[in-house]
Protein backbone atom coordinates (compact mmCIF):
# COMPACT_ATOMS: atom_id res chain seq x y z
CA MET A 1 -7.96 -12.73 11.17
CA SER A 2 -5.75 -14.24 8.20
CA LEU A 3 -7.91 -15.81 5.31
CA PHE A 4 -5.87 -18.90 5.75
CA SER A 5 -4.79 -18.51 9.55
CA ASN A 6 -1.29 -19.23 8.68
CA LEU A 7 0.63 -16.53 9.59
CA TYR A 8 4.19 -16.50 11.13
CA ILE A 9 4.73 -12.92 12.45
CA ASP A 10 1.68 -11.05 13.92
CA LYS A 11 3.30 -7.64 14.95
CA VAL A 12 6.57 -6.05 15.10
CA LYS A 13 7.23 -3.66 17.85
CA TYR A 14 9.21 -0.42 17.44
CA GLU A 15 11.32 -0.68 20.89
CA LYS A 16 12.37 3.35 20.64
CA GLU A 17 12.49 3.96 24.21
CA LYS A 18 15.84 2.12 23.87
CA ILE A 19 17.49 4.68 21.16
CA SER A 20 19.76 6.92 22.58
CA ASP A 21 19.55 9.63 19.77
CA THR A 22 16.43 9.69 17.74
CA LYS A 23 17.98 12.62 15.57
CA LYS A 24 20.16 10.17 13.78
CA TYR A 25 19.65 8.05 10.53
CA PRO A 26 17.51 6.02 10.38
CA PHE A 27 15.75 6.93 13.66
CA ASN A 28 14.95 10.31 12.34
CA ILE A 29 13.04 9.07 8.98
CA PRO A 30 9.55 10.86 9.94
CA ALA A 31 7.50 7.35 9.15
CA ILE A 32 10.00 5.40 11.53
CA LYS A 33 9.95 7.90 14.00
CA ASN A 34 6.24 8.11 14.27
CA LEU A 35 5.99 3.98 14.12
CA ASP A 36 5.06 2.27 17.45
CA GLU A 37 4.14 -1.67 16.28
CA LEU A 38 2.87 -2.94 13.20
CA ASN A 39 0.08 -5.55 13.24
CA PHE A 40 0.17 -8.12 10.60
CA ASP A 41 -3.46 -9.52 10.24
CA LYS A 42 -3.62 -11.11 6.79
CA ASN A 43 -1.10 -13.31 4.64
CA VAL A 44 -0.35 -10.33 2.38
CA THR A 45 0.83 -7.15 3.71
CA PHE A 46 1.66 -4.14 1.54
CA LEU A 47 3.82 -0.94 2.44
CA ILE A 48 3.35 1.81 0.12
CA GLY A 49 4.74 5.20 0.02
CA GLU A 50 6.94 7.96 -2.12
CA ASN A 51 10.49 7.66 -2.79
CA GLY A 52 12.34 8.02 0.59
CA VAL A 53 9.77 7.33 2.96
CA GLY A 54 11.59 4.71 4.73
CA LYS A 55 9.71 1.33 2.88
CA SER A 56 13.55 -0.23 1.85
CA THR A 57 14.54 0.82 5.49
CA PHE A 58 11.71 -0.53 7.29
CA ILE A 59 11.61 -3.79 5.38
CA GLU A 60 15.37 -4.61 5.59
CA ALA A 61 15.61 -4.21 9.33
CA LEU A 62 12.33 -6.36 9.56
CA ALA A 63 14.30 -8.88 7.26
CA ILE A 64 17.40 -8.92 9.49
CA SER A 65 15.21 -9.24 12.78
CA LEU A 66 14.03 -12.45 11.14
CA ASP A 67 17.85 -13.60 10.85
CA LEU A 68 17.64 -12.99 7.06
CA ASN A 69 20.78 -11.52 5.16
CA PRO A 70 20.36 -7.78 4.54
CA GLU A 71 21.41 -8.30 0.79
CA GLY A 72 18.61 -11.29 0.34
CA GLY A 73 18.01 -14.96 0.28
CA THR A 74 17.20 -17.15 2.94
CA GLN A 75 18.54 -17.70 6.21
CA ASN A 76 21.70 -19.57 5.15
CA PHE A 77 22.83 -16.89 2.97
CA MET A 78 25.70 -15.55 4.64
CA PHE A 79 27.71 -13.58 2.12
CA LYS A 80 28.37 -9.70 2.15
CA THR A 81 29.49 -7.45 -0.46
CA SER A 82 28.68 -4.18 1.05
CA ASP A 83 27.85 -3.57 4.77
CA THR A 84 25.27 -0.45 4.04
CA HIS A 85 22.59 -1.47 6.06
CA SER A 86 21.31 0.19 9.36
CA ASN A 87 20.67 -0.82 12.83
CA LEU A 88 17.02 -0.12 12.74
CA SER A 89 16.41 -3.93 13.28
CA ASP A 90 18.18 -3.95 17.00
CA TYR A 91 15.11 -1.92 17.89
CA PHE A 92 12.50 -4.23 16.56
CA LYS A 93 10.77 -7.16 18.77
CA ILE A 94 9.00 -9.50 16.57
CA TYR A 95 5.79 -11.24 17.75
CA LYS A 96 5.18 -14.70 16.21
CA ASN A 97 2.30 -16.90 16.91
CA GLY A 98 3.94 -20.14 17.26
CA ASN A 99 3.77 -21.08 13.82
CA VAL A 100 7.31 -22.14 12.08
CA PRO A 101 7.58 -21.27 8.24
CA LYS A 102 9.00 -23.95 6.10
CA THR A 103 11.55 -21.37 5.06
CA LYS A 104 12.05 -17.88 4.63
CA PHE A 105 13.39 -15.80 1.97
CA PHE A 106 14.16 -12.02 1.50
CA LEU A 107 13.97 -10.76 -1.94
CA ARG A 108 15.08 -6.86 -2.51
CA ALA A 109 15.39 -6.11 -6.60
CA GLU A 110 18.65 -3.48 -5.96
CA SER A 111 20.82 -6.70 -4.67
CA PHE A 112 19.04 -9.32 -6.49
CA TYR A 113 22.43 -9.47 -8.75
CA ASN A 114 24.43 -10.49 -5.71
CA VAL A 115 22.13 -13.28 -4.59
CA ALA A 116 21.99 -14.47 -8.03
CA THR A 117 25.80 -14.45 -7.99
CA GLU A 118 25.75 -16.21 -4.15
CA ILE A 119 23.71 -18.81 -5.74
CA GLN A 120 25.84 -19.66 -8.69
CA SER A 121 28.75 -19.63 -6.31
CA LEU A 122 27.07 -22.20 -3.92
CA GLY A 123 26.00 -24.55 -6.75
CA LEU A 124 22.04 -24.23 -5.95
CA TYR A 125 21.26 -22.89 -9.23
CA LYS A 126 19.31 -26.00 -10.24
CA SER A 127 16.94 -25.64 -7.33
CA TYR A 128 16.04 -21.89 -8.46
CA GLY A 129 15.76 -23.12 -12.01
CA GLY A 130 19.03 -22.63 -13.80
CA ASN A 131 21.55 -20.13 -13.86
CA LEU A 132 19.91 -17.13 -13.03
CA HIS A 133 22.53 -14.82 -14.87
CA GLU A 134 21.64 -16.46 -17.97
CA CYS A 135 17.83 -14.97 -17.83
CA SER A 136 16.62 -11.76 -18.21
CA HIS A 137 15.98 -10.02 -14.94
CA GLY A 138 12.76 -10.63 -14.92
CA GLU A 139 13.07 -13.87 -16.14
CA ALA A 140 15.29 -14.59 -13.70
CA PHE A 141 13.14 -13.30 -10.56
CA LEU A 142 10.14 -15.37 -11.58
CA ASN A 143 12.03 -18.44 -11.92
CA LEU A 144 13.41 -17.77 -8.66
CA VAL A 145 9.71 -17.34 -7.13
CA LYS A 146 8.47 -20.47 -9.19
CA ASN A 147 11.47 -23.14 -8.03
CA ARG A 148 12.43 -21.83 -4.41
CA PHE A 149 9.32 -20.06 -3.20
CA THR A 150 7.37 -23.15 -1.41
CA GLU A 151 4.57 -23.70 0.77
CA ASN A 152 3.94 -22.55 4.27
CA GLY A 153 6.96 -19.60 3.50
CA LEU A 154 7.67 -16.39 5.02
CA TYR A 155 8.58 -13.92 2.12
CA ILE A 156 9.56 -10.69 2.47
CA LEU A 157 9.97 -8.41 -0.88
CA ASP A 158 11.14 -5.55 -1.81
CA GLU A 159 9.84 -3.53 -4.61
CA PRO A 160 9.77 -6.65 -6.67
CA GLU A 161 7.91 -5.15 -9.88
CA SER A 162 11.34 -3.08 -10.67
CA ALA A 163 12.40 -6.36 -12.39
CA LEU A 164 8.90 -7.33 -14.10
CA SER A 165 6.64 -5.97 -17.22
CA PRO A 166 2.81 -5.52 -15.98
CA THR A 167 2.30 -8.58 -17.72
CA ARG A 168 4.76 -10.43 -15.36
CA GLN A 169 3.52 -8.79 -12.30
CA MET A 170 0.20 -10.11 -13.20
CA SER A 171 2.09 -13.79 -13.38
CA LEU A 172 3.66 -12.68 -9.94
CA LEU A 173 0.18 -11.75 -8.44
CA CYS A 174 -0.70 -15.86 -9.64
CA LEU A 175 2.26 -17.12 -7.65
CA ILE A 176 1.72 -14.98 -4.69
CA ASP A 177 -1.99 -15.92 -4.65
CA ASP A 178 -0.97 -19.81 -5.35
CA LEU A 179 1.46 -19.59 -2.42
CA VAL A 180 -1.25 -17.80 0.02
CA LYS A 181 -3.34 -20.82 -0.49
CA LYS A 182 -0.76 -23.07 0.45
CA GLY A 183 -0.13 -21.08 3.91
CA SER A 184 2.49 -19.01 2.86
CA GLN A 185 2.78 -15.13 4.24
CA PHE A 186 3.87 -12.20 2.08
CA ILE A 187 5.29 -8.48 3.33
CA ILE A 188 5.87 -6.72 0.16
CA SER A 189 7.07 -2.96 -0.34
CA THR A 190 5.67 -1.77 -3.53
CA HIS A 191 4.87 0.68 -6.36
CA SER A 192 2.78 -1.40 -8.33
CA PRO A 193 -1.02 -0.77 -8.69
CA ILE A 194 -1.32 -4.25 -10.04
CA LEU A 195 0.25 -6.01 -6.69
CA LEU A 196 -1.71 -3.87 -4.89
CA SER A 197 -5.02 -4.69 -6.11
CA TYR A 198 -4.69 -8.43 -4.70
CA LYS A 199 -7.76 -8.76 -2.61
CA ASN A 200 -7.42 -9.74 1.16
CA ALA A 201 -4.37 -7.83 1.60
CA GLN A 202 -3.73 -5.08 4.23
CA ILE A 203 -2.33 -2.09 2.89
CA TYR A 204 0.00 0.42 5.08
CA ASP A 205 0.73 3.91 3.95
CA LEU A 206 4.28 5.45 5.28
CA ASP A 207 3.42 8.90 3.77
CA ASN A 208 0.58 8.81 6.46
CA ASN A 209 2.46 7.27 9.54
CA PHE A 210 1.61 3.49 8.51
CA ASN A 211 -2.29 4.11 8.46
CA LYS A 212 -4.16 1.14 6.94
CA VAL A 213 -5.64 2.60 3.66
CA ASP A 214 -8.09 0.57 1.14
CA TYR A 215 -6.68 0.22 -2.37
CA LYS A 216 -9.02 2.51 -4.36
CA ASP A 217 -7.80 5.23 -1.87
CA THR A 218 -3.90 4.72 -2.35
CA GLU A 219 -2.15 7.46 -4.34
CA ILE A 220 -0.63 4.70 -6.84
CA TYR A 221 -3.99 3.74 -7.52
CA GLN A 222 -5.43 7.18 -8.30
CA THR A 223 -2.20 8.57 -10.01
CA TYR A 224 -2.41 5.62 -12.58
CA LYS A 225 -6.08 5.89 -12.97
CA MET A 226 -5.96 9.76 -13.52
CA PHE A 227 -2.81 9.29 -16.19
CA LEU A 228 -4.44 6.62 -18.14
CA GLN A 229 -8.09 7.98 -18.01
CA ASP A 230 -6.83 11.20 -20.27
CA PRO A 231 -2.99 10.57 -21.16
CA ASP A 232 -3.16 13.51 -23.80
CA ARG A 233 -4.17 16.10 -21.11
CA MET A 234 -1.90 14.60 -18.10
CA LEU A 235 1.27 15.30 -20.51
CA GLU A 236 0.14 18.90 -21.22
CA MET A 237 0.11 19.73 -17.92
CA LEU A 238 2.74 18.12 -17.10
CA LEU A 239 4.95 19.89 -19.76
CA GLU A 240 3.57 23.09 -19.71
CA GLU A 241 4.82 22.93 -15.93
CA ASN A 242 8.33 21.99 -17.17
């Protein structure tokens, strides 16, 4: 059960029996191919896995299923710069528990510039902490979270750490915790051991067919720990191999 009992979506079911050709992209991605359903039991859910495993494909389809723009933004953002998203969302069935979020937002690192441009063109920049193009990428990202994310919200984030230094990742962690305590739900794909450390979160590993995993058992945690404990030895091993 959720620590704060403010979940807005409980489960996504993958209706793959409706797919005519599972050998085509994105249905042939191994992690997606083996998915049946995914439960959201806590206010923060992390999706992890190696590059190319399908994290962004899954989280994009989830956002679209929630009526969010595939490039990012709220449900009211209708802009499109490039039609590159898959049709995976057509086969997702979202289970909701009756709670309606005050707001929803999809934030993906790769198209954040497009979202910032749309915010500026719509004259909404004051609600987002000013002109996001006049800030660094990381500053703009945090300004958006601080000024636009509110209590009782549903937030889908795709690799947010790519814009942030380790210190700013800690700042984001604090913002997430504050919003969770105010009834918000987060679903986040990440490679960040800092974000993953959030207690009372559930972690799904796409490299292992969406199996749940504990923080210290993740490859992300173990790899960073191994490197930082003895960087000289790790560098010797890596460079000798090359």
